[in-house]
Amino acid sequence: AGLSQFAGKWKCSMYEALFAESLGTALSAK
């Protein structure tokens, strides 16, 4: 869900969002 919301915000696919440098703003390190 966090990945999907992040992808929606940045208008990219979920797979592309997975490697985004700023993903830490949406999800924990684990």
mmCIF file of all heavy atoms, coordinates in Angstrom:
data_MODEL
# 
_entry.id   MODEL 
# 
loop_
_atom_site.group_PDB 
_atom_site.id 
_atom_site.type_symbol 
_atom_site.label_atom_id 
_atom_site.label_alt_id 
_atom_site.label_comp_id 
_atom_site.label_asym_id 
_atom_site.label_entity_id 
_atom_site.label_seq_id 
_atom_site.pdbx_PDB_ins_code 
_atom_site.Cartn_x 
_atom_site.Cartn_y 
_atom_site.Cartn_z 
_atom_site.occupancy 
_atom_site.B_iso_or_equiv 
_atom_site.pdbx_formal_charge 
_atom_site.auth_seq_id 
_atom_site.auth_comp_id 
_atom_site.auth_asym_id 
_atom_site.auth_atom_id 
_atom_site.pdbx_PDB_model_num 
ATOM 1   N N   . ALA A 1 1  ? 0.836  -1.206 0.000   1.00 0.00 ? 1  ALA A N   1 
ATOM 2   C CA  . ALA A 1 1  ? 0.000  0.000  0.000   1.00 0.00 ? 1  ALA A CA  1 
ATOM 3   C C   . ALA A 1 1  ? 0.873  1.259  0.000   1.00 0.00 ? 1  ALA A C   1 
ATOM 4   O O   . ALA A 1 1  ? 0.622  2.204  -0.753  1.00 0.00 ? 1  ALA A O   1 
ATOM 5   C CB  . ALA A 1 1  ? -0.921 -0.011 1.215   1.00 0.00 ? 1  ALA A CB  1 
ATOM 6   N N   . GLY A 1 2  ? 1.914  1.244  0.843   1.00 0.00 ? 2  GLY A N   1 
ATOM 7   C CA  . GLY A 1 2  ? 2.816  2.405  0.887   1.00 0.00 ? 2  GLY A CA  1 
ATOM 8   C C   . GLY A 1 2  ? 3.528  2.618  -0.434  1.00 0.00 ? 2  GLY A C   1 
ATOM 9   O O   . GLY A 1 2  ? 3.669  3.751  -0.913  1.00 0.00 ? 2  GLY A O   1 
ATOM 10  N N   . LEU A 1 3  ? 3.977  1.506  -1.038  1.00 0.00 ? 3  LEU A N   1 
ATOM 11  C CA  . LEU A 1 3  ? 4.653  1.591  -2.342  1.00 0.00 ? 3  LEU A CA  1 
ATOM 12  C C   . LEU A 1 3  ? 3.693  2.132  -3.400  1.00 0.00 ? 3  LEU A C   1 
ATOM 13  O O   . LEU A 1 3  ? 4.067  2.977  -4.226  1.00 0.00 ? 3  LEU A O   1 
ATOM 14  C CB  . LEU A 1 3  ? 5.165  0.202  -2.743  1.00 0.00 ? 3  LEU A CB  1 
ATOM 15  C CG  . LEU A 1 3  ? 5.883  0.109  -4.092  1.00 0.00 ? 3  LEU A CG  1 
ATOM 16  C CD1 . LEU A 1 3  ? 7.212  0.867  -4.041  1.00 0.00 ? 3  LEU A CD1 1 
ATOM 17  C CD2 . LEU A 1 3  ? 6.130  -1.351 -4.481  1.00 0.00 ? 3  LEU A CD2 1 
ATOM 18  N N   . SER A 1 4  ? 2.437  1.632  -3.380  1.00 0.00 ? 4  SER A N   1 
ATOM 19  C CA  . SER A 1 4  ? 1.438  2.057  -4.367  1.00 0.00 ? 4  SER A CA  1 
ATOM 20  C C   . SER A 1 4  ? 1.133  3.552  -4.239  1.00 0.00 ? 4  SER A C   1 
ATOM 21  O O   . SER A 1 4  ? 1.045  4.268  -5.237  1.00 0.00 ? 4  SER A O   1 
ATOM 22  C CB  . SER A 1 4  ? 0.158  1.229  -4.193  1.00 0.00 ? 4  SER A CB  1 
ATOM 23  O OG  . SER A 1 4  ? -0.842 1.672  -5.068  1.00 0.00 ? 4  SER A OG  1 
ATOM 24  N N   . GLN A 1 5  ? 0.979  4.019  -2.993  1.00 0.00 ? 5  GLN A N   1 
ATOM 25  C CA  . GLN A 1 5  ? 0.695  5.444  -2.779  1.00 0.00 ? 5  GLN A CA  1 
ATOM 26  C C   . GLN A 1 5  ? 1.869  6.312  -3.247  1.00 0.00 ? 5  GLN A C   1 
ATOM 27  O O   . GLN A 1 5  ? 1.676  7.363  -3.869  1.00 0.00 ? 5  GLN A O   1 
ATOM 28  C CB  . GLN A 1 5  ? 0.399  5.688  -1.298  1.00 0.00 ? 5  GLN A CB  1 
ATOM 29  C CG  . GLN A 1 5  ? -0.956 5.153  -0.864  1.00 0.00 ? 5  GLN A CG  1 
ATOM 30  C CD  . GLN A 1 5  ? -1.116 5.092  0.650   1.00 0.00 ? 5  GLN A CD  1 
ATOM 31  O OE1 . GLN A 1 5  ? -0.166 5.326  1.401   1.00 0.00 ? 5  GLN A OE1 1 
ATOM 32  N NE2 . GLN A 1 5  ? -2.310 4.747  1.092   1.00 0.00 ? 5  GLN A NE2 1 
ATOM 33  N N   . PHE A 1 6  ? 3.080  5.832  -2.982  1.00 0.00 ? 6  PHE A N   1 
ATOM 34  C CA  . PHE A 1 6  ? 4.275  6.556  -3.424  1.00 0.00 ? 6  PHE A CA  1 
ATOM 35  C C   . PHE A 1 6  ? 4.326  6.610  -4.958  1.00 0.00 ? 6  PHE A C   1 
ATOM 36  O O   . PHE A 1 6  ? 4.603  7.660  -5.547  1.00 0.00 ? 6  PHE A O   1 
ATOM 37  C CB  . PHE A 1 6  ? 5.519  5.853  -2.863  1.00 0.00 ? 6  PHE A CB  1 
ATOM 38  C CG  . PHE A 1 6  ? 6.818  6.515  -3.235  1.00 0.00 ? 6  PHE A CG  1 
ATOM 39  C CD1 . PHE A 1 6  ? 7.343  7.543  -2.461  1.00 0.00 ? 6  PHE A CD1 1 
ATOM 40  C CD2 . PHE A 1 6  ? 7.527  6.116  -4.365  1.00 0.00 ? 6  PHE A CD2 1 
ATOM 41  C CE1 . PHE A 1 6  ? 8.547  8.159  -2.805  1.00 0.00 ? 6  PHE A CE1 1 
ATOM 42  C CE2 . PHE A 1 6  ? 8.724  6.724  -4.718  1.00 0.00 ? 6  PHE A CE2 1 
ATOM 43  C CZ  . PHE A 1 6  ? 9.229  7.756  -3.935  1.00 0.00 ? 6  PHE A CZ  1 
ATOM 44  N N   . ALA A 1 7  ? 4.043  5.462  -5.602  1.00 0.00 ? 7  ALA A N   1 
ATOM 45  C CA  . ALA A 1 7  ? 4.053  5.401  -7.073  1.00 0.00 ? 7  ALA A CA  1 
ATOM 46  C C   . ALA A 1 7  ? 2.986  6.321  -7.655  1.00 0.00 ? 7  ALA A C   1 
ATOM 47  O O   . ALA A 1 7  ? 3.212  6.998  -8.668  1.00 0.00 ? 7  ALA A O   1 
ATOM 48  C CB  . ALA A 1 7  ? 3.827  3.961  -7.531  1.00 0.00 ? 7  ALA A CB  1 
ATOM 49  N N   . GLY A 1 8  ? 1.807  6.333  -7.012  1.00 0.00 ? 8  GLY A N   1 
ATOM 50  C CA  . GLY A 1 8  ? 0.730  7.201  -7.487  1.00 0.00 ? 8  GLY A CA  1 
ATOM 51  C C   . GLY A 1 8  ? 1.106  8.668  -7.380  1.00 0.00 ? 8  GLY A C   1 
ATOM 52  O O   . GLY A 1 8  ? 0.836  9.463  -8.286  1.00 0.00 ? 8  GLY A O   1 
ATOM 53  N N   . LYS A 1 9  ? 1.774  9.019  -6.287  1.00 0.00 ? 9  LYS A N   1 
ATOM 54  C CA  . LYS A 1 9  ? 2.174  10.413 -6.064  1.00 0.00 ? 9  LYS A CA  1 
ATOM 55  C C   . LYS A 1 9  ? 3.172  10.877 -7.122  1.00 0.00 ? 9  LYS A C   1 
ATOM 56  O O   . LYS A 1 9  ? 3.090  11.996 -7.640  1.00 0.00 ? 9  LYS A O   1 
ATOM 57  C CB  . LYS A 1 9  ? 2.783  10.544 -4.662  1.00 0.00 ? 9  LYS A CB  1 
ATOM 58  C CG  . LYS A 1 9  ? 3.252  11.943 -4.310  1.00 0.00 ? 9  LYS A CG  1 
ATOM 59  C CD  . LYS A 1 9  ? 3.868  11.976 -2.915  1.00 0.00 ? 9  LYS A CD  1 
ATOM 60  C CE  . LYS A 1 9  ? 4.414  13.356 -2.588  1.00 0.00 ? 9  LYS A CE  1 
ATOM 61  N NZ  . LYS A 1 9  ? 5.067  13.368 -1.247  1.00 0.00 ? 9  LYS A NZ  1 
ATOM 62  N N   . TRP A 1 10 ? 4.119  9.984  -7.480  1.00 0.00 ? 10 TRP A N   1 
ATOM 63  C CA  . TRP A 1 10 ? 5.162  10.357 -8.430  1.00 0.00 ? 10 TRP A CA  1 
ATOM 64  C C   . TRP A 1 10 ? 4.872  9.892  -9.859  1.00 0.00 ? 10 TRP A C   1 
ATOM 65  O O   . TRP A 1 10 ? 5.725  10.005 -10.740 1.00 0.00 ? 10 TRP A O   1 
ATOM 66  C CB  . TRP A 1 10 ? 6.521  9.809  -7.964  1.00 0.00 ? 10 TRP A CB  1 
ATOM 67  C CG  . TRP A 1 10 ? 6.942  10.456 -6.678  1.00 0.00 ? 10 TRP A CG  1 
ATOM 68  C CD1 . TRP A 1 10 ? 6.876  9.916  -5.429  1.00 0.00 ? 10 TRP A CD1 1 
ATOM 69  C CD2 . TRP A 1 10 ? 7.448  11.781 -6.519  1.00 0.00 ? 10 TRP A CD2 1 
ATOM 70  N NE1 . TRP A 1 10 ? 7.301  10.816 -4.491  1.00 0.00 ? 10 TRP A NE1 1 
ATOM 71  C CE2 . TRP A 1 10 ? 7.677  11.986 -5.131  1.00 0.00 ? 10 TRP A CE2 1 
ATOM 72  C CE3 . TRP A 1 10 ? 7.736  12.824 -7.399  1.00 0.00 ? 10 TRP A CE3 1 
ATOM 73  C CZ2 . TRP A 1 10 ? 8.167  13.171 -4.617  1.00 0.00 ? 10 TRP A CZ2 1 
ATOM 74  C CZ3 . TRP A 1 10 ? 8.231  14.018 -6.885  1.00 0.00 ? 10 TRP A CZ3 1 
ATOM 75  C CH2 . TRP A 1 10 ? 8.445  14.187 -5.516  1.00 0.00 ? 10 TRP A CH2 1 
ATOM 76  N N   . LYS A 1 11 ? 3.645  9.366  -10.050 1.00 0.00 ? 11 LYS A N   1 
ATOM 77  C CA  . LYS A 1 11 ? 3.182  8.957  -11.395 1.00 0.00 ? 11 LYS A CA  1 
ATOM 78  C C   . LYS A 1 11 ? 4.166  8.015  -12.094 1.00 0.00 ? 11 LYS A C   1 
ATOM 79  O O   . LYS A 1 11 ? 4.615  8.266  -13.222 1.00 0.00 ? 11 LYS A O   1 
ATOM 80  C CB  . LYS A 1 11 ? 2.899  10.177 -12.276 1.00 0.00 ? 11 LYS A CB  1 
ATOM 81  C CG  . LYS A 1 11 ? 1.826  11.090 -11.717 1.00 0.00 ? 11 LYS A CG  1 
ATOM 82  C CD  . LYS A 1 11 ? 1.365  12.110 -12.732 1.00 0.00 ? 11 LYS A CD  1 
ATOM 83  C CE  . LYS A 1 11 ? 0.351  13.086 -12.153 1.00 0.00 ? 11 LYS A CE  1 
ATOM 84  N NZ  . LYS A 1 11 ? -0.742 12.491 -11.444 1.00 0.00 ? 11 LYS A NZ  1 
ATOM 85  N N   . CYS A 1 12 ? 4.535  6.964  -11.383 1.00 0.00 ? 12 CYS A N   1 
ATOM 86  C CA  . CYS A 1 12 ? 5.411  5.946  -11.969 1.00 0.00 ? 12 CYS A CA  1 
ATOM 87  C C   . CYS A 1 12 ? 4.861  4.566  -11.613 1.00 0.00 ? 12 CYS A C   1 
ATOM 88  O O   . CYS A 1 12 ? 3.937  4.447  -10.797 1.00 0.00 ? 12 CYS A O   1 
ATOM 89  C CB  . CYS A 1 12 ? 6.847  6.103  -11.465 1.00 0.00 ? 12 CYS A CB  1 
ATOM 90  S SG  . CYS A 1 12 ? 7.024  5.881  -9.677  1.00 0.00 ? 12 CYS A SG  1 
ATOM 91  N N   . SER A 1 13 ? 5.406  3.533  -12.228 1.00 0.00 ? 13 SER A N   1 
ATOM 92  C CA  . SER A 1 13 ? 4.950  2.174  -11.906 1.00 0.00 ? 13 SER A CA  1 
ATOM 93  C C   . SER A 1 13 ? 5.468  1.777  -10.529 1.00 0.00 ? 13 SER A C   1 
ATOM 94  O O   . SER A 1 13 ? 6.416  2.373  -9.994  1.00 0.00 ? 13 SER A O   1 
ATOM 95  C CB  . SER A 1 13 ? 5.461  1.189  -12.955 1.00 0.00 ? 13 SER A CB  1 
ATOM 96  O OG  . SER A 1 13 ? 6.861  1.010  -12.827 1.00 0.00 ? 13 SER A OG  1 
ATOM 97  N N   . MET A 1 14 ? 4.859  0.751  -9.956  1.00 0.00 ? 14 MET A N   1 
ATOM 98  C CA  . MET A 1 14 ? 5.273  0.292  -8.629  1.00 0.00 ? 14 MET A CA  1 
ATOM 99  C C   . MET A 1 14 ? 6.699  -0.267 -8.661  1.00 0.00 ? 14 MET A C   1 
ATOM 100 O O   . MET A 1 14 ? 7.467  -0.087 -7.712  1.00 0.00 ? 14 MET A O   1 
ATOM 101 C CB  . MET A 1 14 ? 4.281  -0.754 -8.107  1.00 0.00 ? 14 MET A CB  1 
ATOM 102 C CG  . MET A 1 14 ? 2.918  -0.145 -7.807  1.00 0.00 ? 14 MET A CG  1 
ATOM 103 S SD  . MET A 1 14 ? 1.627  -1.357 -7.446  1.00 0.00 ? 14 MET A SD  1 
ATOM 104 C CE  . MET A 1 14 ? 2.079  -1.809 -5.773  1.00 0.00 ? 14 MET A CE  1 
ATOM 105 N N   . TYR A 1 15 ? 7.044  -0.937 -9.760  1.00 0.00 ? 15 TYR A N   1 
ATOM 106 C CA  . TYR A 1 15 ? 8.394  -1.500 -9.855  1.00 0.00 ? 15 TYR A CA  1 
ATOM 107 C C   . TYR A 1 15 ? 9.435  -0.380 -9.924  1.00 0.00 ? 15 TYR A C   1 
ATOM 108 O O   . TYR A 1 15 ? 10.488 -0.440 -9.289  1.00 0.00 ? 15 TYR A O   1 
ATOM 109 C CB  . TYR A 1 15 ? 8.512  -2.411 -11.082 1.00 0.00 ? 15 TYR A CB  1 
ATOM 110 C CG  . TYR A 1 15 ? 9.801  -3.200 -11.107 1.00 0.00 ? 15 TYR A CG  1 
ATOM 111 C CD1 . TYR A 1 15 ? 9.905  -4.413 -10.441 1.00 0.00 ? 15 TYR A CD1 1 
ATOM 112 C CD2 . TYR A 1 15 ? 10.921 -2.726 -11.792 1.00 0.00 ? 15 TYR A CD2 1 
ATOM 113 C CE1 . TYR A 1 15 ? 11.097 -5.137 -10.446 1.00 0.00 ? 15 TYR A CE1 1 
ATOM 114 C CE2 . TYR A 1 15 ? 12.113 -3.430 -11.807 1.00 0.00 ? 15 TYR A CE2 1 
ATOM 115 C CZ  . TYR A 1 15 ? 12.193 -4.635 -11.134 1.00 0.00 ? 15 TYR A CZ  1 
ATOM 116 O OH  . TYR A 1 15 ? 13.362 -5.339 -11.136 1.00 0.00 ? 15 TYR A OH  1 
ATOM 117 N N   . GLU A 1 16 ? 9.119  0.662  -10.696 1.00 0.00 ? 16 GLU A N   1 
ATOM 118 C CA  . GLU A 1 16 ? 10.049 1.796  -10.799 1.00 0.00 ? 16 GLU A CA  1 
ATOM 119 C C   . GLU A 1 16 ? 10.186 2.498  -9.447  1.00 0.00 ? 16 GLU A C   1 
ATOM 120 O O   . GLU A 1 16 ? 11.285 2.881  -9.029  1.00 0.00 ? 16 GLU A O   1 
ATOM 121 C CB  . GLU A 1 16 ? 9.541  2.777  -11.858 1.00 0.00 ? 16 GLU A CB  1 
ATOM 122 C CG  . GLU A 1 16 ? 10.494 3.913  -12.166 1.00 0.00 ? 16 GLU A CG  1 
ATOM 123 C CD  . GLU A 1 16 ? 9.927  4.886  -13.191 1.00 0.00 ? 16 GLU A CD  1 
ATOM 124 O OE1 . GLU A 1 16 ? 8.901  4.552  -13.837 1.00 0.00 ? 16 GLU A OE1 1 
ATOM 125 O OE2 . GLU A 1 16 ? 10.497 5.975  -13.330 1.00 0.00 ? 16 GLU A OE2 1 
ATOM 126 N N   . ALA A 1 17 ? 9.054  2.628  -8.726  1.00 0.00 ? 17 ALA A N   1 
ATOM 127 C CA  . ALA A 1 17 ? 9.052  3.295  -7.420  1.00 0.00 ? 17 ALA A CA  1 
ATOM 128 C C   . ALA A 1 17 ? 9.896  2.541  -6.406  1.00 0.00 ? 17 ALA A C   1 
ATOM 129 O O   . ALA A 1 17 ? 10.501 3.135  -5.499  1.00 0.00 ? 17 ALA A O   1 
ATOM 130 C CB  . ALA A 1 17 ? 7.618  3.421  -6.907  1.00 0.00 ? 17 ALA A CB  1 
ATOM 131 N N   . LEU A 1 18 ? 9.959  1.238  -6.572  1.00 0.00 ? 18 LEU A N   1 
ATOM 132 C CA  . LEU A 1 18 ? 10.686 0.361  -5.650  1.00 0.00 ? 18 LEU A CA  1 
ATOM 133 C C   . LEU A 1 18 ? 12.151 0.788  -5.476  1.00 0.00 ? 18 LEU A C   1 
ATOM 134 O O   . LEU A 1 18 ? 12.731 0.647  -4.405  1.00 0.00 ? 18 LEU A O   1 
ATOM 135 C CB  . LEU A 1 18 ? 10.577 -1.061 -6.215  1.00 0.00 ? 18 LEU A CB  1 
ATOM 136 C CG  . LEU A 1 18 ? 11.084 -2.295 -5.509  1.00 0.00 ? 18 LEU A CG  1 
ATOM 137 C CD1 . LEU A 1 18 ? 10.277 -3.495 -5.985  1.00 0.00 ? 18 LEU A CD1 1 
ATOM 138 C CD2 . LEU A 1 18 ? 12.541 -2.537 -5.863  1.00 0.00 ? 18 LEU A CD2 1 
ATOM 139 N N   . PHE A 1 19 ? 12.762 1.330  -6.544  1.00 0.00 ? 19 PHE A N   1 
ATOM 140 C CA  . PHE A 1 19 ? 14.182 1.707  -6.504  1.00 0.00 ? 19 PHE A CA  1 
ATOM 141 C C   . PHE A 1 19 ? 14.397 3.216  -6.331  1.00 0.00 ? 19 PHE A C   1 
ATOM 142 O O   . PHE A 1 19 ? 15.528 3.698  -6.420  1.00 0.00 ? 19 PHE A O   1 
ATOM 143 C CB  . PHE A 1 19 ? 14.886 1.231  -7.780  1.00 0.00 ? 19 PHE A CB  1 
ATOM 144 C CG  . PHE A 1 19 ? 14.972 -0.268 -7.895  1.00 0.00 ? 19 PHE A CG  1 
ATOM 145 C CD1 . PHE A 1 19 ? 14.204 -0.952 -8.828  1.00 0.00 ? 19 PHE A CD1 1 
ATOM 146 C CD2 . PHE A 1 19 ? 15.811 -1.002 -7.058  1.00 0.00 ? 19 PHE A CD2 1 
ATOM 147 C CE1 . PHE A 1 19 ? 14.276 -2.338 -8.932  1.00 0.00 ? 19 PHE A CE1 1 
ATOM 148 C CE2 . PHE A 1 19 ? 15.890 -2.386 -7.158  1.00 0.00 ? 19 PHE A CE2 1 
ATOM 149 C CZ  . PHE A 1 19 ? 15.114 -3.060 -8.096  1.00 0.00 ? 19 PHE A CZ  1 
ATOM 150 N N   . ALA A 1 20 ? 13.307 3.956  -6.082  1.00 0.00 ? 20 ALA A N   1 
ATOM 151 C CA  . ALA A 1 20 ? 13.441 5.416  -5.953  1.00 0.00 ? 20 ALA A CA  1 
ATOM 152 C C   . ALA A 1 20 ? 14.217 5.772  -4.682  1.00 0.00 ? 20 ALA A C   1 
ATOM 153 O O   . ALA A 1 20 ? 14.009 5.184  -3.619  1.00 0.00 ? 20 ALA A O   1 
ATOM 154 C CB  . ALA A 1 20 ? 12.058 6.065  -5.925  1.00 0.00 ? 20 ALA A CB  1 
ATOM 155 N N   . GLU A 1 21 ? 15.102 6.750  -4.785  1.00 0.00 ? 21 GLU A N   1 
ATOM 156 C CA  . GLU A 1 21 ? 15.938 7.152  -3.641  1.00 0.00 ? 21 GLU A CA  1 
ATOM 157 C C   . GLU A 1 21 ? 15.099 7.711  -2.491  1.00 0.00 ? 21 GLU A C   1 
ATOM 158 O O   . GLU A 1 21 ? 15.442 7.558  -1.320  1.00 0.00 ? 21 GLU A O   1 
ATOM 159 C CB  . GLU A 1 21 ? 16.966 8.200  -4.081  1.00 0.00 ? 21 GLU A CB  1 
ATOM 160 C CG  . GLU A 1 21 ? 18.065 7.627  -4.968  1.00 0.00 ? 21 GLU A CG  1 
ATOM 161 C CD  . GLU A 1 21 ? 19.111 8.673  -5.332  1.00 0.00 ? 21 GLU A CD  1 
ATOM 162 O OE1 . GLU A 1 21 ? 19.101 9.751  -4.693  1.00 0.00 ? 21 GLU A OE1 1 
ATOM 163 O OE2 . GLU A 1 21 ? 19.913 8.418  -6.246  1.00 0.00 ? 21 GLU A OE2 1 
ATOM 164 N N   . SER A 1 22 ? 13.978 8.343  -2.842  1.00 0.00 ? 22 SER A N   1 
ATOM 165 C CA  . SER A 1 22 ? 13.160 8.984  -1.802  1.00 0.00 ? 22 SER A CA  1 
ATOM 166 C C   . SER A 1 22 ? 12.084 8.059  -1.226  1.00 0.00 ? 22 SER A C   1 
ATOM 167 O O   . SER A 1 22 ? 11.211 8.512  -0.488  1.00 0.00 ? 22 SER A O   1 
ATOM 168 C CB  . SER A 1 22 ? 12.491 10.249 -2.367  1.00 0.00 ? 22 SER A CB  1 
ATOM 169 O OG  . SER A 1 22 ? 11.748 9.930  -3.534  1.00 0.00 ? 22 SER A OG  1 
ATOM 170 N N   . LEU A 1 23 ? 12.146 6.749  -1.533  1.00 0.00 ? 23 LEU A N   1 
ATOM 171 C CA  . LEU A 1 23 ? 11.128 5.816  -1.031  1.00 0.00 ? 23 LEU A CA  1 
ATOM 172 C C   . LEU A 1 23 ? 11.145 5.764  0.499   1.00 0.00 ? 23 LEU A C   1 
ATOM 173 O O   . LEU A 1 23 ? 10.133 5.443  1.133   1.00 0.00 ? 23 LEU A O   1 
ATOM 174 C CB  . LEU A 1 23 ? 11.359 4.411  -1.624  1.00 0.00 ? 23 LEU A CB  1 
ATOM 175 C CG  . LEU A 1 23 ? 10.304 3.343  -1.310  1.00 0.00 ? 23 LEU A CG  1 
ATOM 176 C CD1 . LEU A 1 23 ? 8.918  3.763  -1.789  1.00 0.00 ? 23 LEU A CD1 1 
ATOM 177 C CD2 . LEU A 1 23 ? 10.680 1.992  -1.931  1.00 0.00 ? 23 LEU A CD2 1 
ATOM 178 N N   . GLY A 1 24 ? 12.283 6.112  1.094   1.00 0.00 ? 24 GLY A N   1 
ATOM 179 C CA  . GLY A 1 24 ? 12.400 6.110  2.557   1.00 0.00 ? 24 GLY A CA  1 
ATOM 180 C C   . GLY A 1 24 ? 11.440 7.069  3.235   1.00 0.00 ? 24 GLY A C   1 
ATOM 181 O O   . GLY A 1 24 ? 11.170 6.942  4.438   1.00 0.00 ? 24 GLY A O   1 
ATOM 182 N N   . THR A 1 25 ? 10.902 8.031  2.493   1.00 0.00 ? 25 THR A N   1 
ATOM 183 C CA  . THR A 1 25 ? 9.920  8.951  3.078   1.00 0.00 ? 25 THR A CA  1 
ATOM 184 C C   . THR A 1 25 ? 8.566  8.280  3.267   1.00 0.00 ? 25 THR A C   1 
ATOM 185 O O   . THR A 1 25 ? 7.709  8.796  3.991   1.00 0.00 ? 25 THR A O   1 
ATOM 186 C CB  . THR A 1 25 ? 9.735  10.193 2.172   1.00 0.00 ? 25 THR A CB  1 
ATOM 187 O OG1 . THR A 1 25 ? 9.260  9.751  0.873   1.00 0.00 ? 25 THR A OG1 1 
ATOM 188 C CG2 . THR A 1 25 ? 11.041 10.944 2.002   1.00 0.00 ? 25 THR A CG2 1 
ATOM 189 N N   . ALA A 1 26 ? 8.368  7.131  2.594   1.00 0.00 ? 26 ALA A N   1 
ATOM 190 C CA  . ALA A 1 26 ? 7.065  6.455  2.654   1.00 0.00 ? 26 ALA A CA  1 
ATOM 191 C C   . ALA A 1 26 ? 7.118  5.127  3.398   1.00 0.00 ? 26 ALA A C   1 
ATOM 192 O O   . ALA A 1 26 ? 6.110  4.687  3.956   1.00 0.00 ? 26 ALA A O   1 
ATOM 193 C CB  . ALA A 1 26 ? 6.529  6.226  1.232   1.00 0.00 ? 26 ALA A CB  1 
ATOM 194 N N   . LEU A 1 27 ? 8.304  4.476  3.409   1.00 0.00 ? 27 LEU A N   1 
ATOM 195 C CA  . LEU A 1 27 ? 8.398  3.135  3.984   1.00 0.00 ? 27 LEU A CA  1 
ATOM 196 C C   . LEU A 1 27 ? 9.602  3.032  4.922   1.00 0.00 ? 27 LEU A C   1 
ATOM 197 O O   . LEU A 1 27 ? 10.572 3.800  4.802   1.00 0.00 ? 27 LEU A O   1 
ATOM 198 C CB  . LEU A 1 27 ? 8.538  2.089  2.867   1.00 0.00 ? 27 LEU A CB  1 
ATOM 199 C CG  . LEU A 1 27 ? 7.370  1.931  1.894   1.00 0.00 ? 27 LEU A CG  1 
ATOM 200 C CD1 . LEU A 1 27 ? 7.746  0.951  0.784   1.00 0.00 ? 27 LEU A CD1 1 
ATOM 201 C CD2 . LEU A 1 27 ? 6.109  1.459  2.601   1.00 0.00 ? 27 LEU A CD2 1 
ATOM 202 N N   . SER A 1 28 ? 9.550  2.052  5.818   1.00 0.00 ? 28 SER A N   1 
ATOM 203 C CA  . SER A 1 28 ? 10.660 1.827  6.750   1.00 0.00 ? 28 SER A CA  1 
ATOM 204 C C   . SER A 1 28 ? 11.811 1.130  6.034   1.00 0.00 ? 28 SER A C   1 
ATOM 205 O O   . SER A 1 28 ? 11.643 0.563  4.951   1.00 0.00 ? 28 SER A O   1 
ATOM 206 C CB  . SER A 1 28 ? 10.189 0.954  7.917   1.00 0.00 ? 28 SER A CB  1 
ATOM 207 O OG  . SER A 1 28 ? 9.953  -0.375 7.464   1.00 0.00 ? 28 SER A OG  1 
ATOM 208 N N   . ALA A 1 29 ? 12.981 1.151  6.678   1.00 0.00 ? 29 ALA A N   1 
ATOM 209 C CA  . ALA A 1 29 ? 14.168 0.507  6.096   1.00 0.00 ? 29 ALA A CA  1 
ATOM 210 C C   . ALA A 1 29 ? 13.934 -0.991 5.899   1.00 0.00 ? 29 ALA A C   1 
ATOM 211 O O   . ALA A 1 29 ? 14.365 -1.570 4.894   1.00 0.00 ? 29 ALA A O   1 
ATOM 212 C CB  . ALA A 1 29 ? 15.381 0.745  7.000   1.00 0.00 ? 29 ALA A CB  1 
ATOM 213 N N   . LYS A 1 30 ? 13.227 -1.620 6.859   1.00 0.00 ? 30 LYS A N   1 
ATOM 214 C CA  . LYS A 1 30 ? 12.962 -3.062 6.750   1.00 0.00 ? 30 LYS A CA  1 
ATOM 215 C C   . LYS A 1 30 ? 12.068 -3.355 5.544   1.00 0.00 ? 30 LYS A C   1 
ATOM 216 O O   . LYS A 1 30 ? 12.306 -4.302 4.786   1.00 0.00 ? 30 LYS A O   1 
ATOM 217 C CB  . LYS A 1 30 ? 12.301 -3.565 8.036   1.00 0.00 ? 30 LYS A CB  1 
ATOM 218 C CG  . LYS A 1 30 ? 12.095 -5.072 8.067   1.00 0.00 ? 30 LYS A CG  1 
ATOM 219 C CD  . LYS A 1 30 ? 11.422 -5.517 9.356   1.00 0.00 ? 30 LYS A CD  1 
ATOM 220 C CE  . LYS A 1 30 ? 11.157 -7.019 9.324   1.00 0.00 ? 30 LYS A CE  1 
ATOM 221 N NZ  . LYS A 1 30 ? 10.418 -7.476 10.530  1.00 0.00 ? 30 LYS A NZ  1 
# 
